[in-house]
Protein backbone atom coordinates (compact mmCIF):
# COMPACT_ATOMS: atom_id res chain seq x y z
CA MET A 1 51.21 -41.47 -35.05
CA GLN A 2 53.92 -41.74 -32.45
CA PRO A 3 52.82 -43.55 -29.27
CA PRO A 4 52.15 -41.20 -26.35
CA ASP A 5 54.49 -40.84 -23.41
CA ALA A 6 53.31 -41.37 -19.85
CA LEU A 7 54.00 -39.90 -16.44
CA LEU A 8 53.00 -41.77 -13.29
CA LEU A 9 53.05 -40.29 -9.80
CA VAL A 10 53.22 -42.81 -6.97
CA ALA A 11 53.76 -42.79 -3.21
CA PRO A 12 54.84 -45.31 -0.58
CA GLY A 13 51.96 -47.36 0.79
CA CYS A 14 49.66 -46.63 -2.14
CA PRO A 15 47.66 -49.84 -2.71
CA HIS A 16 46.78 -49.06 -6.34
CA CYS A 17 50.11 -47.70 -7.57
CA PRO A 18 51.81 -51.09 -8.23
CA GLY A 19 48.98 -52.26 -10.48
CA VAL A 20 49.00 -49.07 -12.56
CA LEU A 21 52.78 -49.20 -12.78
CA ASP A 22 52.73 -52.81 -13.98
CA ALA A 23 50.07 -52.03 -16.59
CA LEU A 24 51.95 -49.03 -17.93
CA GLY A 25 55.19 -51.01 -17.99
CA THR A 26 53.53 -53.64 -20.15
CA LEU A 27 52.29 -50.97 -22.55
CA VAL A 28 55.82 -49.60 -22.85
CA LYS A 29 57.18 -53.06 -23.66
CA GLU A 30 54.50 -53.49 -26.33
CA GLY A 31 55.24 -50.10 -27.87
CA VAL A 32 51.77 -48.78 -27.08
CA ILE A 33 53.46 -46.14 -24.90
CA GLY A 34 56.73 -44.59 -25.99
CA ARG A 35 58.21 -43.68 -22.62
CA LEU A 36 57.22 -43.97 -18.97
CA GLU A 37 58.46 -41.64 -16.24
CA VAL A 38 57.69 -42.67 -12.66
CA VAL A 39 58.00 -40.14 -9.84
CA ASN A 40 57.72 -40.82 -6.11
CA VAL A 41 55.93 -37.76 -4.74
CA ALA A 42 57.25 -38.46 -1.25
CA VAL A 43 60.69 -37.67 -2.65
CA HIS A 44 59.60 -35.00 -5.14
CA PRO A 45 56.48 -33.37 -3.66
CA GLN A 46 56.94 -30.19 -5.69
CA LEU A 47 55.96 -31.93 -8.91
CA ALA A 48 52.62 -33.02 -7.45
CA GLU A 49 52.03 -29.49 -6.23
CA ASP A 50 52.89 -28.01 -9.62
CA LEU A 51 50.45 -30.37 -11.34
CA GLY A 52 47.71 -29.83 -8.76
CA VAL A 53 47.70 -33.51 -7.89
CA ARG A 54 45.98 -34.37 -4.61
CA GLY A 55 46.20 -38.15 -4.68
CA VAL A 56 48.01 -41.07 -6.25
CA PRO A 57 48.22 -42.89 -8.49
CA PHE A 58 48.08 -40.07 -11.00
CA THR A 59 48.71 -40.83 -14.66
CA ARG A 60 49.35 -38.38 -17.46
CA LEU A 61 49.04 -40.28 -20.72
CA GLY A 62 49.65 -38.09 -23.73
CA PRO A 63 47.19 -35.18 -23.32
CA PHE A 64 45.06 -37.03 -20.77
CA GLU A 65 45.26 -36.80 -16.97
CA LEU A 66 43.76 -39.75 -15.12
CA ASP A 67 43.26 -39.79 -11.36
CA GLY A 68 43.16 -42.89 -9.21
CA ALA A 69 43.30 -46.56 -10.03
CA ARG A 70 42.91 -47.47 -13.71
CA THR A 71 42.76 -50.96 -15.12
CA ALA A 72 45.16 -52.20 -17.77
CA ALA A 73 42.30 -52.15 -20.28
CA GLU A 74 41.48 -48.51 -19.45
CA LEU A 75 45.09 -47.43 -19.82
CA ARG A 76 45.41 -49.24 -23.13
CA ARG A 77 42.23 -47.55 -24.35
CA TRP A 78 43.43 -44.07 -23.37
CA ALA A 79 46.80 -44.68 -24.97
CA GLY A 80 45.00 -45.52 -28.20
CA LEU A 81 42.70 -42.51 -27.96
CA ALA A 82 45.71 -40.21 -27.47
CA ALA A 83 46.60 -40.86 -31.10
CA ARG A 84 43.09 -40.30 -32.45
CA PRO A 85 41.53 -36.96 -33.47
CA ASP A 86 38.35 -37.78 -31.53
CA GLY A 87 40.29 -38.77 -28.43
CA MET A 88 39.99 -35.44 -26.63
CA ALA A 89 36.22 -35.31 -27.12
CA GLU A 90 35.98 -38.77 -25.57
CA TYR A 91 38.18 -37.64 -22.69
CA LEU A 92 36.08 -34.55 -21.97
CA GLN A 93 32.93 -36.64 -21.96
CA GLN A 94 34.45 -39.23 -19.63
CA MET A 95 35.73 -36.64 -17.19
CA LEU A 96 32.28 -35.04 -16.96
CA ALA A 97 30.72 -38.47 -16.49
CA GLU A 98 33.09 -38.99 -13.55
CA GLY A 99 32.22 -35.60 -12.06
CA GLY A 100 35.49 -34.01 -13.13
CA LEU A 101 34.11 -30.58 -13.98
CA ALA A 102 37.20 -28.78 -12.65
CA LYS A 103 39.46 -30.98 -14.77
CA VAL A 104 37.49 -30.16 -17.92
CA GLU A 105 37.58 -26.46 -17.11
CA ALA A 106 41.35 -26.69 -16.63
CA VAL A 107 41.77 -28.43 -19.99
CA LEU A 108 39.76 -25.74 -21.78
CA ALA A 109 41.61 -22.95 -19.98
CA ALA A 110 44.92 -24.39 -21.15
CA GLU A 111 43.69 -25.27 -24.66
CA PRO A 112 40.70 -23.12 -25.73
CA ALA A 113 40.82 -24.83 -29.13
CA HIS A 114 39.20 -27.87 -27.48
CA PHE A 115 36.00 -25.93 -26.71
CA PRO A 116 34.26 -26.86 -30.00
CA LEU A 117 34.89 -30.52 -29.16
CA LEU A 118 32.92 -30.05 -25.95
CA LEU A 119 30.05 -28.36 -27.75
CA GLY A 120 30.09 -31.08 -30.38
CA LEU A 121 29.09 -33.59 -27.71
CA LEU A 122 25.71 -31.85 -27.49
CA GLU A 123 24.77 -33.20 -30.91
CA ASP A 124 24.16 -36.61 -29.36
CA PRO A 125 20.59 -36.54 -27.99
CA GLU A 126 21.36 -39.65 -25.93
CA LEU A 127 24.26 -37.98 -24.12
CA PRO A 128 24.13 -38.96 -20.42
CA LEU A 129 22.38 -36.38 -18.28
CA GLN A 130 25.40 -35.84 -16.03
CA VAL A 131 27.56 -35.05 -19.04
CA ARG A 132 24.96 -32.68 -20.49
CA LEU A 133 24.64 -30.89 -17.15
CA GLY A 134 28.42 -30.68 -16.92
CA ILE A 135 28.63 -29.07 -20.33
CA GLY A 136 25.99 -26.60 -19.22
CA ALA A 137 28.02 -25.74 -16.12
CA VAL A 138 31.13 -25.14 -18.21
CA ILE A 139 29.26 -22.90 -20.63
CA GLU A 140 27.56 -20.95 -17.86
CA GLY A 141 31.02 -20.22 -16.48
CA LEU A 142 31.96 -18.76 -19.87
CA ALA A 143 28.89 -16.54 -20.23
CA GLY A 144 29.66 -13.40 -22.18
CA THR A 145 33.22 -14.43 -23.03
CA SER A 146 34.78 -14.30 -26.47
CA ALA A 147 35.29 -18.07 -26.32
CA LEU A 148 31.53 -18.62 -26.16
CA GLN A 149 30.76 -15.91 -28.70
CA GLN A 150 33.11 -17.60 -31.18
CA ALA A 151 30.89 -20.68 -30.87
CA ILE A 152 27.80 -18.83 -32.15
CA PRO A 153 27.96 -20.47 -35.62
CA LEU A 154 28.05 -23.94 -34.10
CA LEU A 155 25.25 -23.18 -31.65
CA THR A 156 23.22 -21.68 -34.48
CA ARG A 157 23.55 -24.92 -36.43
CA LEU A 158 22.35 -26.86 -33.39
CA THR A 159 19.09 -24.85 -33.36
CA SER A 160 18.16 -26.90 -36.45
CA HIS A 161 18.95 -30.26 -34.87
CA GLY A 162 16.35 -32.98 -35.22
CA ASP A 163 16.04 -33.50 -31.46
CA HIS A 164 14.25 -30.76 -29.53
CA ARG A 165 16.46 -31.27 -26.45
CA VAL A 166 19.49 -30.27 -28.47
CA ARG A 167 17.64 -27.25 -29.85
CA CYS A 168 16.71 -26.24 -26.30
CA ASP A 169 20.33 -26.38 -25.20
CA ALA A 170 21.40 -24.38 -28.24
CA CYS A 171 18.89 -21.61 -27.48
CA HIS A 172 19.90 -21.44 -23.84
CA PHE A 173 23.60 -21.25 -24.66
CA LEU A 174 23.04 -18.65 -27.38
CA GLY A 175 21.47 -16.49 -24.72
CA LEU A 176 24.53 -16.93 -22.54
CA THR A 177 26.73 -15.46 -25.26
CA LEU A 178 25.21 -12.07 -24.32
CA SER A 179 25.76 -11.06 -27.94
CA PRO A 180 23.15 -8.95 -29.74
CA ASP A 181 24.04 -10.88 -32.88
CA VAL A 182 22.05 -13.90 -31.68
CA ARG A 183 18.74 -12.07 -31.36
CA PRO A 184 17.56 -12.87 -34.91
CA ILE A 185 18.47 -16.51 -34.37
CA LEU A 186 16.51 -16.71 -31.14
CA GLU A 187 13.59 -14.87 -32.71
CA SER A 188 13.38 -17.53 -35.38
CA CYS A 189 13.48 -20.21 -32.68
CA ARG A 190 10.31 -18.74 -31.18
CA ALA A 191 8.55 -20.35 -34.14
CA ASP A 192 10.00 -23.79 -33.40
CA PRO A 193 7.41 -26.61 -33.55
CA HIS A 194 8.25 -27.72 -29.99
CA PRO A 195 6.84 -25.61 -27.13
CA GLU A 196 9.87 -26.13 -24.88
CA VAL A 197 12.20 -24.73 -27.53
CA ARG A 198 9.94 -21.73 -28.00
CA GLU A 199 9.88 -21.13 -24.25
CA ILE A 200 13.64 -21.29 -23.83
CA ALA A 201 14.21 -19.08 -26.87
CA THR A 202 11.87 -16.49 -25.37
CA GLU A 203 13.63 -16.66 -22.01
CA ALA A 204 17.02 -16.26 -23.69
CA LEU A 205 15.78 -13.19 -25.57
CA GLU A 206 14.43 -11.67 -22.36
CA ALA A 207 17.79 -12.28 -20.67
CA LEU A 208 19.56 -10.52 -23.53
CA VAL A 209 17.28 -7.51 -23.22
CA ALA A 210 17.79 -7.37 -19.44
CA ASP A 211 21.56 -7.51 -19.89
CA SER A 212 21.68 -4.75 -22.53
């Protein structure tokens, strides 16, 4: 695939901007990045405002937006991930690990097709707690929406996952769809061998009844 292009926002006096600029310049010379555009936000503040950027350096590398200082190794890694089909899933996970909930929500608002990638992260039972909580926060913000209801088949599949923590999450999120179509699924989960799954399935069913 074609190497990604990059945009770097810098400002006078920024202690980290020169290092990021040097690293990106090296990647351009190596062909890892196709093109690099550098903008001084002191001269062009409107661009930073349009992008919602509050600090520099800010790097947009292919589909990824990276705030703050990034090492040459990090930038090289993200440039490589930009050309991979699993790159966006890795980005969403990393942003949640860094506490970037708003950034993930913005990505999904702009590209709803990425939502299944976020849900797919739940299949890893060893997913860091902060990432799992972040996914939960995103999904809770989508409660009752068509975007979440379209994910019912995927969530249904997760109710058969080998790890009970994943099954618990699936039951909880099925309840948040607010769709009557999930009632039979949740009813079957009330017979799950793990008591926590049974409890959450029951709670999700009760929430559906209260909402109807």
